[in-house]
Amino acid sequence: MIYAYLRVSTDTQDTENQRTGVDAKARALGLTIDKYIVDDGISGTKEPEKRALGGLLRKITCGDIIICSELSRLG
């Protein structure tokens, strides 16, 4: 399964720029994103378990791929 993880930390930000970059990266790698996981308006200081990221990390299995716009989005 190939996931795209998008996160913005304020309500004034938009995930669309991240989505565009993640989609371009997936195309460049010859991959098709199966599911987008979005944390909208969620600070990276919150524990992953309190974000959609926590649910994603619990369900991924060996061989799954997560594409994000930058590594700091996972932090």
N, C-alpha and C. Protein backbone atom coordinates (compact mmCIF):
# COMPACT_ATOMS: atom_id res chain seq x y z
N MET A 1 0.85 -1.17 0.00
CA MET A 1 0.00 0.00 0.00
C MET A 1 0.90 1.24 0.00
N ILE A 2 0.52 2.22 -0.77
CA ILE A 2 1.28 3.46 -0.84
C ILE A 2 0.42 4.59 -0.27
N TYR A 3 0.95 5.23 0.77
CA TYR A 3 0.24 6.30 1.46
C TYR A 3 0.93 7.63 1.20
N ALA A 4 0.13 8.68 1.14
CA ALA A 4 0.65 10.05 1.14
C ALA A 4 0.23 10.65 2.47
N TYR A 5 1.19 11.22 3.19
CA TYR A 5 0.87 11.87 4.47
C TYR A 5 1.07 13.37 4.31
N LEU A 6 -0.01 14.10 4.57
CA LEU A 6 -0.01 15.56 4.46
C LEU A 6 -0.37 16.14 5.82
N ARG A 7 0.41 17.16 6.25
CA ARG A 7 0.09 17.81 7.53
C ARG A 7 0.41 19.28 7.45
N VAL A 8 -0.57 20.08 7.87
CA VAL A 8 -0.35 21.52 8.06
C VAL A 8 -0.68 21.82 9.51
N SER A 9 0.04 22.79 10.07
CA SER A 9 -0.10 23.02 11.50
C SER A 9 -1.06 24.15 11.87
N THR A 10 -1.49 24.93 10.91
CA THR A 10 -2.45 26.00 11.24
C THR A 10 -3.63 25.94 10.29
N ASP A 11 -4.72 26.54 10.72
CA ASP A 11 -5.92 26.57 9.88
C ASP A 11 -5.75 27.46 8.66
N THR A 12 -4.75 28.34 8.68
CA THR A 12 -4.55 29.24 7.54
C THR A 12 -3.69 28.60 6.46
N GLN A 13 -3.09 27.45 6.75
CA GLN A 13 -2.29 26.75 5.75
C GLN A 13 -3.17 25.77 4.97
N ASP A 14 -2.68 25.35 3.83
CA ASP A 14 -3.44 24.48 2.95
C ASP A 14 -2.56 23.29 2.54
N THR A 15 -3.13 22.11 2.52
CA THR A 15 -2.36 20.92 2.15
C THR A 15 -2.16 20.78 0.64
N GLU A 16 -2.80 21.64 -0.14
CA GLU A 16 -2.76 21.48 -1.59
C GLU A 16 -1.34 21.54 -2.16
N ASN A 17 -0.49 22.43 -1.65
CA ASN A 17 0.90 22.48 -2.14
C ASN A 17 1.63 21.18 -1.83
N GLN A 18 1.42 20.65 -0.64
CA GLN A 18 2.05 19.38 -0.28
C GLN A 18 1.55 18.27 -1.19
N ARG A 19 0.25 18.26 -1.42
CA ARG A 19 -0.35 17.22 -2.26
C ARG A 19 0.25 17.26 -3.67
N THR A 20 0.42 18.44 -4.20
CA THR A 20 1.00 18.59 -5.54
C THR A 20 2.40 18.01 -5.59
N GLY A 21 3.22 18.34 -4.58
CA GLY A 21 4.59 17.83 -4.53
C GLY A 21 4.64 16.32 -4.32
N VAL A 22 3.79 15.80 -3.46
CA VAL A 22 3.76 14.37 -3.19
C VAL A 22 3.29 13.61 -4.42
N ASP A 23 2.29 14.14 -5.10
CA ASP A 23 1.81 13.49 -6.33
C ASP A 23 2.92 13.46 -7.40
N ALA A 24 3.66 14.57 -7.52
CA ALA A 24 4.75 14.63 -8.50
C ALA A 24 5.84 13.61 -8.16
N LYS A 25 6.17 13.49 -6.88
CA LYS A 25 7.19 12.51 -6.47
C LYS A 25 6.74 11.08 -6.76
N ALA A 26 5.49 10.79 -6.46
CA ALA A 26 4.96 9.46 -6.73
C ALA A 26 5.04 9.15 -8.23
N ARG A 27 4.64 10.11 -9.07
CA ARG A 27 4.72 9.90 -10.52
C ARG A 27 6.16 9.67 -10.96
N ALA A 28 7.09 10.45 -10.42
CA ALA A 28 8.50 10.32 -10.78
C ALA A 28 9.04 8.94 -10.41
N LEU A 29 8.51 8.37 -9.35
CA LEU A 29 8.93 7.03 -8.90
C LEU A 29 8.13 5.91 -9.57
N GLY A 30 7.14 6.29 -10.37
CA GLY A 30 6.30 5.29 -11.01
C GLY A 30 5.31 4.64 -10.05
N LEU A 31 4.91 5.38 -9.01
CA LEU A 31 4.01 4.86 -7.99
C LEU A 31 2.64 5.52 -8.08
N THR A 32 1.65 4.82 -7.60
CA THR A 32 0.29 5.35 -7.50
C THR A 32 -0.10 5.37 -6.03
N ILE A 33 -0.51 6.51 -5.54
CA ILE A 33 -0.90 6.65 -4.14
C ILE A 33 -2.27 6.00 -3.94
N ASP A 34 -2.33 5.09 -2.98
CA ASP A 34 -3.58 4.40 -2.67
C ASP A 34 -4.46 5.19 -1.72
N LYS A 35 -3.83 5.89 -0.78
CA LYS A 35 -4.61 6.59 0.25
C LYS A 35 -3.85 7.81 0.75
N TYR A 36 -4.59 8.90 0.92
CA TYR A 36 -4.05 10.12 1.50
C TYR A 36 -4.46 10.18 2.96
N ILE A 37 -3.49 10.44 3.83
CA ILE A 37 -3.74 10.63 5.25
C ILE A 37 -3.44 12.10 5.53
N VAL A 38 -4.42 12.82 6.07
CA VAL A 38 -4.28 14.27 6.25
C VAL A 38 -4.50 14.65 7.70
N ASP A 39 -3.54 15.39 8.24
CA ASP A 39 -3.67 16.04 9.53
C ASP A 39 -3.75 17.53 9.24
N ASP A 40 -4.93 18.07 9.31
CA ASP A 40 -5.19 19.46 8.94
C ASP A 40 -5.26 20.32 10.19
N GLY A 41 -4.37 21.29 10.31
CA GLY A 41 -4.36 22.17 11.46
C GLY A 41 -3.85 21.51 12.72
N ILE A 42 -2.96 20.53 12.58
CA ILE A 42 -2.42 19.78 13.72
C ILE A 42 -0.93 20.08 13.86
N SER A 43 -0.54 20.51 15.03
CA SER A 43 0.87 20.82 15.29
C SER A 43 1.70 19.54 15.35
N GLY A 44 2.92 19.63 14.86
CA GLY A 44 3.84 18.51 14.93
C GLY A 44 4.30 18.22 16.35
N THR A 45 4.00 19.13 17.29
CA THR A 45 4.38 18.89 18.69
C THR A 45 3.44 17.92 19.38
N LYS A 46 2.27 17.67 18.77
CA LYS A 46 1.35 16.68 19.34
C LYS A 46 1.91 15.28 19.12
N GLU A 47 1.69 14.43 20.09
CA GLU A 47 2.12 13.03 19.98
C GLU A 47 1.52 12.41 18.71
N PRO A 48 2.29 11.58 18.00
CA PRO A 48 1.74 10.94 16.79
C PRO A 48 0.43 10.18 17.06
N GLU A 49 0.28 9.63 18.25
CA GLU A 49 -0.95 8.89 18.58
C GLU A 49 -2.18 9.79 18.59
N LYS A 50 -1.98 11.09 18.72
CA LYS A 50 -3.10 12.04 18.76
C LYS A 50 -3.34 12.67 17.40
N ARG A 51 -2.66 12.15 16.39
CA ARG A 51 -2.81 12.63 15.02
C ARG A 51 -3.18 11.44 14.12
N ALA A 52 -3.63 11.75 12.93
CA ALA A 52 -3.92 10.69 11.96
C ALA A 52 -2.65 9.87 11.67
N LEU A 53 -1.50 10.51 11.84
CA LEU A 53 -0.23 9.80 11.64
C LEU A 53 -0.12 8.58 12.54
N GLY A 54 -0.59 8.68 13.77
CA GLY A 54 -0.52 7.55 14.70
C GLY A 54 -1.28 6.35 14.18
N GLY A 55 -2.48 6.59 13.65
CA GLY A 55 -3.26 5.49 13.06
C GLY A 55 -2.55 4.88 11.87
N LEU A 56 -1.93 5.72 11.07
CA LEU A 56 -1.19 5.22 9.91
C LEU A 56 -0.01 4.35 10.36
N LEU A 57 0.74 4.83 11.35
CA LEU A 57 1.89 4.06 11.82
C LEU A 57 1.50 2.72 12.43
N ARG A 58 0.31 2.65 13.02
CA ARG A 58 -0.16 1.38 13.59
C ARG A 58 -0.57 0.38 12.51
N LYS A 59 -1.01 0.87 11.35
CA LYS A 59 -1.53 -0.07 10.35
C LYS A 59 -0.57 -0.42 9.23
N ILE A 60 0.51 0.34 9.06
CA ILE A 60 1.42 0.00 7.96
C ILE A 60 2.12 -1.34 8.23
N THR A 61 2.45 -2.00 7.16
CA THR A 61 3.14 -3.28 7.26
C THR A 61 4.39 -3.23 6.38
N CYS A 62 5.20 -4.22 6.51
CA CYS A 62 6.44 -4.32 5.73
C CYS A 62 6.12 -4.19 4.24
N GLY A 63 6.82 -3.32 3.57
CA GLY A 63 6.61 -3.11 2.15
C GLY A 63 5.74 -1.91 1.82
N ASP A 64 4.99 -1.41 2.81
CA ASP A 64 4.19 -0.21 2.59
C ASP A 64 5.12 0.99 2.43
N ILE A 65 4.64 2.00 1.73
CA ILE A 65 5.43 3.21 1.48
C ILE A 65 4.63 4.42 1.95
N ILE A 66 5.33 5.34 2.63
CA ILE A 66 4.73 6.62 3.01
C ILE A 66 5.51 7.71 2.28
N ILE A 67 4.82 8.54 1.53
CA ILE A 67 5.44 9.67 0.87
C ILE A 67 4.91 10.93 1.54
N CYS A 68 5.83 11.83 1.93
CA CYS A 68 5.42 13.10 2.51
C CYS A 68 6.24 14.21 1.84
N SER A 69 5.79 15.45 2.03
CA SER A 69 6.44 16.56 1.33
C SER A 69 7.83 16.85 1.87
N GLU A 70 8.04 16.62 3.15
CA GLU A 70 9.36 16.77 3.75
C GLU A 70 9.37 15.97 5.06
N LEU A 71 10.54 15.57 5.47
CA LEU A 71 10.68 14.72 6.64
C LEU A 71 10.09 15.35 7.90
N SER A 72 10.14 16.67 8.00
CA SER A 72 9.62 17.34 9.20
C SER A 72 8.11 17.14 9.35
N ARG A 73 7.41 16.79 8.29
CA ARG A 73 5.96 16.55 8.39
C ARG A 73 5.68 15.32 9.25
N LEU A 74 6.63 14.40 9.31
CA LEU A 74 6.45 13.19 10.12
C LEU A 74 6.83 13.43 11.58
N GLY A 75 7.60 14.50 11.83
CA GLY A 75 8.07 14.78 13.18
C GLY A 75 7.06 15.49 14.06
